[in-house]
Amino acid sequence: MCFSFRLSILLFSYSAIQLFSYSAIQLFSYSAIQLFSYSAIQLFSYSAIQLFSQIKHYLLQLSGNKP
């Protein structure tokens, strides 16, 4: 009786830990990937727009036209 009770508690705690750690890892990795890709896209598009406007400004200065 005592052994089976300990065994059932052990199995329950093991499955709870497995379930919690799996869902936590899934949630963390999903949200980290989402956050990283979103911020990377935002940052890249913003810096690309900035870079193109800088190049346009520089080319206008080279050609003699003041923007």
N, C-alpha and C. Protein backbone atom coordinates (compact mmCIF):
# COMPACT_ATOMS: atom_id res chain seq x y z
N MET A 1 0.83 -1.20 0.00
CA MET A 1 0.00 0.00 0.00
C MET A 1 0.87 1.26 0.00
N CYS A 2 1.82 1.30 0.90
CA CYS A 2 2.69 2.46 1.01
C CYS A 2 3.55 2.62 -0.24
N PHE A 3 4.03 1.50 -0.76
CA PHE A 3 4.88 1.53 -1.95
C PHE A 3 4.10 2.02 -3.17
N SER A 4 2.88 1.52 -3.34
CA SER A 4 2.09 1.94 -4.49
C SER A 4 1.67 3.40 -4.37
N PHE A 5 1.44 3.85 -3.15
CA PHE A 5 1.10 5.26 -2.94
C PHE A 5 2.28 6.15 -3.31
N ARG A 6 3.47 5.77 -2.89
CA ARG A 6 4.68 6.53 -3.25
C ARG A 6 4.90 6.50 -4.75
N LEU A 7 4.68 5.34 -5.34
CA LEU A 7 4.87 5.21 -6.78
C LEU A 7 3.90 6.09 -7.56
N SER A 8 2.65 6.12 -7.11
CA SER A 8 1.67 6.96 -7.81
C SER A 8 2.00 8.44 -7.64
N ILE A 9 2.46 8.85 -6.48
CA ILE A 9 2.87 10.25 -6.28
C ILE A 9 4.07 10.57 -7.16
N LEU A 10 5.00 9.64 -7.23
CA LEU A 10 6.19 9.84 -8.06
C LEU A 10 5.80 9.97 -9.54
N LEU A 11 4.93 9.10 -10.00
CA LEU A 11 4.49 9.17 -11.40
C LEU A 11 3.72 10.45 -11.68
N PHE A 12 2.89 10.85 -10.75
CA PHE A 12 2.11 12.07 -10.93
C PHE A 12 3.02 13.29 -11.00
N SER A 13 3.98 13.38 -10.07
CA SER A 13 4.87 14.53 -10.06
C SER A 13 5.75 14.53 -11.32
N TYR A 14 6.19 13.34 -11.76
CA TYR A 14 7.00 13.26 -12.97
C TYR A 14 6.21 13.73 -14.18
N SER A 15 4.96 13.29 -14.31
CA SER A 15 4.17 13.70 -15.47
C SER A 15 3.83 15.19 -15.40
N ALA A 16 3.60 15.71 -14.19
CA ALA A 16 3.32 17.13 -14.06
C ALA A 16 4.54 17.96 -14.45
N ILE A 17 5.72 17.51 -14.02
CA ILE A 17 6.95 18.23 -14.38
C ILE A 17 7.19 18.16 -15.88
N GLN A 18 6.97 16.99 -16.46
CA GLN A 18 7.15 16.83 -17.90
C GLN A 18 6.20 17.76 -18.67
N LEU A 19 4.95 17.75 -18.28
CA LEU A 19 3.96 18.57 -18.95
C LEU A 19 4.28 20.05 -18.81
N PHE A 20 4.63 20.46 -17.61
CA PHE A 20 4.93 21.87 -17.37
C PHE A 20 6.16 22.31 -18.14
N SER A 21 7.22 21.51 -18.07
CA SER A 21 8.45 21.92 -18.75
C SER A 21 8.24 21.92 -20.27
N TYR A 22 7.50 20.96 -20.79
CA TYR A 22 7.27 20.92 -22.23
C TYR A 22 6.46 22.14 -22.68
N SER A 23 5.38 22.44 -21.96
CA SER A 23 4.57 23.58 -22.37
C SER A 23 5.30 24.90 -22.17
N ALA A 24 6.12 24.98 -21.11
CA ALA A 24 6.88 26.21 -20.90
C ALA A 24 7.91 26.41 -22.00
N ILE A 25 8.58 25.33 -22.39
CA ILE A 25 9.57 25.43 -23.47
C ILE A 25 8.88 25.80 -24.79
N GLN A 26 7.76 25.17 -25.06
CA GLN A 26 7.02 25.46 -26.29
C GLN A 26 6.58 26.93 -26.32
N LEU A 27 6.00 27.37 -25.23
CA LEU A 27 5.50 28.74 -25.16
C LEU A 27 6.63 29.74 -25.27
N PHE A 28 7.72 29.48 -24.55
CA PHE A 28 8.85 30.40 -24.57
C PHE A 28 9.48 30.46 -25.96
N SER A 29 9.73 29.31 -26.56
CA SER A 29 10.38 29.32 -27.85
C SER A 29 9.48 29.94 -28.91
N TYR A 30 8.18 29.67 -28.85
CA TYR A 30 7.26 30.25 -29.83
C TYR A 30 7.22 31.76 -29.69
N SER A 31 7.07 32.25 -28.46
CA SER A 31 6.98 33.69 -28.27
C SER A 31 8.32 34.37 -28.57
N ALA A 32 9.43 33.70 -28.26
CA ALA A 32 10.74 34.28 -28.56
C ALA A 32 10.95 34.38 -30.06
N ILE A 33 10.56 33.35 -30.79
CA ILE A 33 10.69 33.37 -32.25
C ILE A 33 9.80 34.46 -32.85
N GLN A 34 8.56 34.54 -32.36
CA GLN A 34 7.64 35.55 -32.86
C GLN A 34 8.18 36.95 -32.60
N LEU A 35 8.63 37.18 -31.36
CA LEU A 35 9.12 38.49 -30.98
C LEU A 35 10.37 38.85 -31.76
N PHE A 36 11.29 37.89 -31.88
CA PHE A 36 12.54 38.16 -32.57
C PHE A 36 12.29 38.44 -34.05
N SER A 37 11.47 37.62 -34.70
CA SER A 37 11.25 37.82 -36.13
C SER A 37 10.52 39.13 -36.39
N TYR A 38 9.54 39.46 -35.53
CA TYR A 38 8.82 40.71 -35.70
C TYR A 38 9.75 41.90 -35.52
N SER A 39 10.54 41.90 -34.47
CA SER A 39 11.43 43.04 -34.23
C SER A 39 12.53 43.11 -35.28
N ALA A 40 13.00 41.95 -35.76
CA ALA A 40 14.02 41.96 -36.80
C ALA A 40 13.46 42.54 -38.10
N ILE A 41 12.24 42.16 -38.45
CA ILE A 41 11.61 42.69 -39.66
C ILE A 41 11.40 44.20 -39.54
N GLN A 42 10.90 44.62 -38.36
CA GLN A 42 10.68 46.04 -38.13
C GLN A 42 11.99 46.81 -38.23
N LEU A 43 13.02 46.31 -37.56
CA LEU A 43 14.31 46.98 -37.54
C LEU A 43 14.92 47.02 -38.93
N PHE A 44 14.83 45.91 -39.64
CA PHE A 44 15.42 45.85 -40.98
C PHE A 44 14.71 46.80 -41.93
N SER A 45 13.39 46.80 -41.91
CA SER A 45 12.67 47.67 -42.84
C SER A 45 12.92 49.14 -42.50
N TYR A 46 12.98 49.45 -41.21
CA TYR A 46 13.25 50.83 -40.81
C TYR A 46 14.65 51.26 -41.24
N SER A 47 15.64 50.41 -41.01
CA SER A 47 17.01 50.77 -41.37
C SER A 47 17.17 50.82 -42.89
N ALA A 48 16.45 49.96 -43.62
CA ALA A 48 16.53 50.01 -45.08
C ALA A 48 15.94 51.31 -45.61
N ILE A 49 14.83 51.76 -45.04
CA ILE A 49 14.22 53.03 -45.45
C ILE A 49 15.17 54.18 -45.15
N GLN A 50 15.77 54.14 -43.96
CA GLN A 50 16.72 55.18 -43.58
C GLN A 50 17.91 55.19 -44.54
N LEU A 51 18.42 54.00 -44.86
CA LEU A 51 19.58 53.90 -45.74
C LEU A 51 19.26 54.43 -47.13
N PHE A 52 18.09 54.08 -47.67
CA PHE A 52 17.72 54.56 -48.99
C PHE A 52 17.55 56.08 -49.00
N SER A 53 16.97 56.62 -47.95
CA SER A 53 16.82 58.07 -47.92
C SER A 53 18.17 58.76 -47.80
N GLN A 54 19.10 58.16 -47.06
CA GLN A 54 20.45 58.72 -46.96
C GLN A 54 21.16 58.68 -48.31
N ILE A 55 21.01 57.55 -49.02
CA ILE A 55 21.64 57.42 -50.35
C ILE A 55 21.04 58.43 -51.31
N LYS A 56 19.74 58.60 -51.27
CA LYS A 56 19.08 59.58 -52.15
C LYS A 56 19.57 60.99 -51.85
N HIS A 57 19.67 61.30 -50.58
CA HIS A 57 20.16 62.61 -50.15
C HIS A 57 21.59 62.83 -50.63
N TYR A 58 22.43 61.82 -50.49
CA TYR A 58 23.83 61.90 -50.90
C TYR A 58 23.93 62.07 -52.42
N LEU A 59 23.12 61.32 -53.18
CA LEU A 59 23.16 61.42 -54.64
C LEU A 59 22.66 62.78 -55.10
N LEU A 60 21.67 63.32 -54.42
CA LEU A 60 21.20 64.65 -54.77
C LEU A 60 22.27 65.70 -54.50
N GLN A 61 23.01 65.52 -53.42
CA GLN A 61 24.10 66.46 -53.13
C GLN A 61 25.21 66.34 -54.17
N LEU A 62 25.50 65.10 -54.61
CA LEU A 62 26.53 64.92 -55.62
C LEU A 62 26.14 65.54 -56.95
N SER A 63 24.87 65.44 -57.31
CA SER A 63 24.44 65.98 -58.59
C SER A 63 24.27 67.49 -58.55
N GLY A 64 24.36 68.09 -57.39
CA GLY A 64 24.28 69.54 -57.29
C GLY A 64 22.92 70.05 -56.88
N ASN A 65 21.92 69.18 -56.82
CA ASN A 65 20.59 69.62 -56.40
C ASN A 65 20.51 69.57 -54.87
N LYS A 66 20.05 70.63 -54.30
CA LYS A 66 19.88 70.65 -52.85
C LYS A 66 18.47 70.15 -52.54
N PRO A 67 18.36 69.18 -51.66
CA PRO A 67 17.02 68.65 -51.35
C PRO A 67 16.21 69.63 -50.52
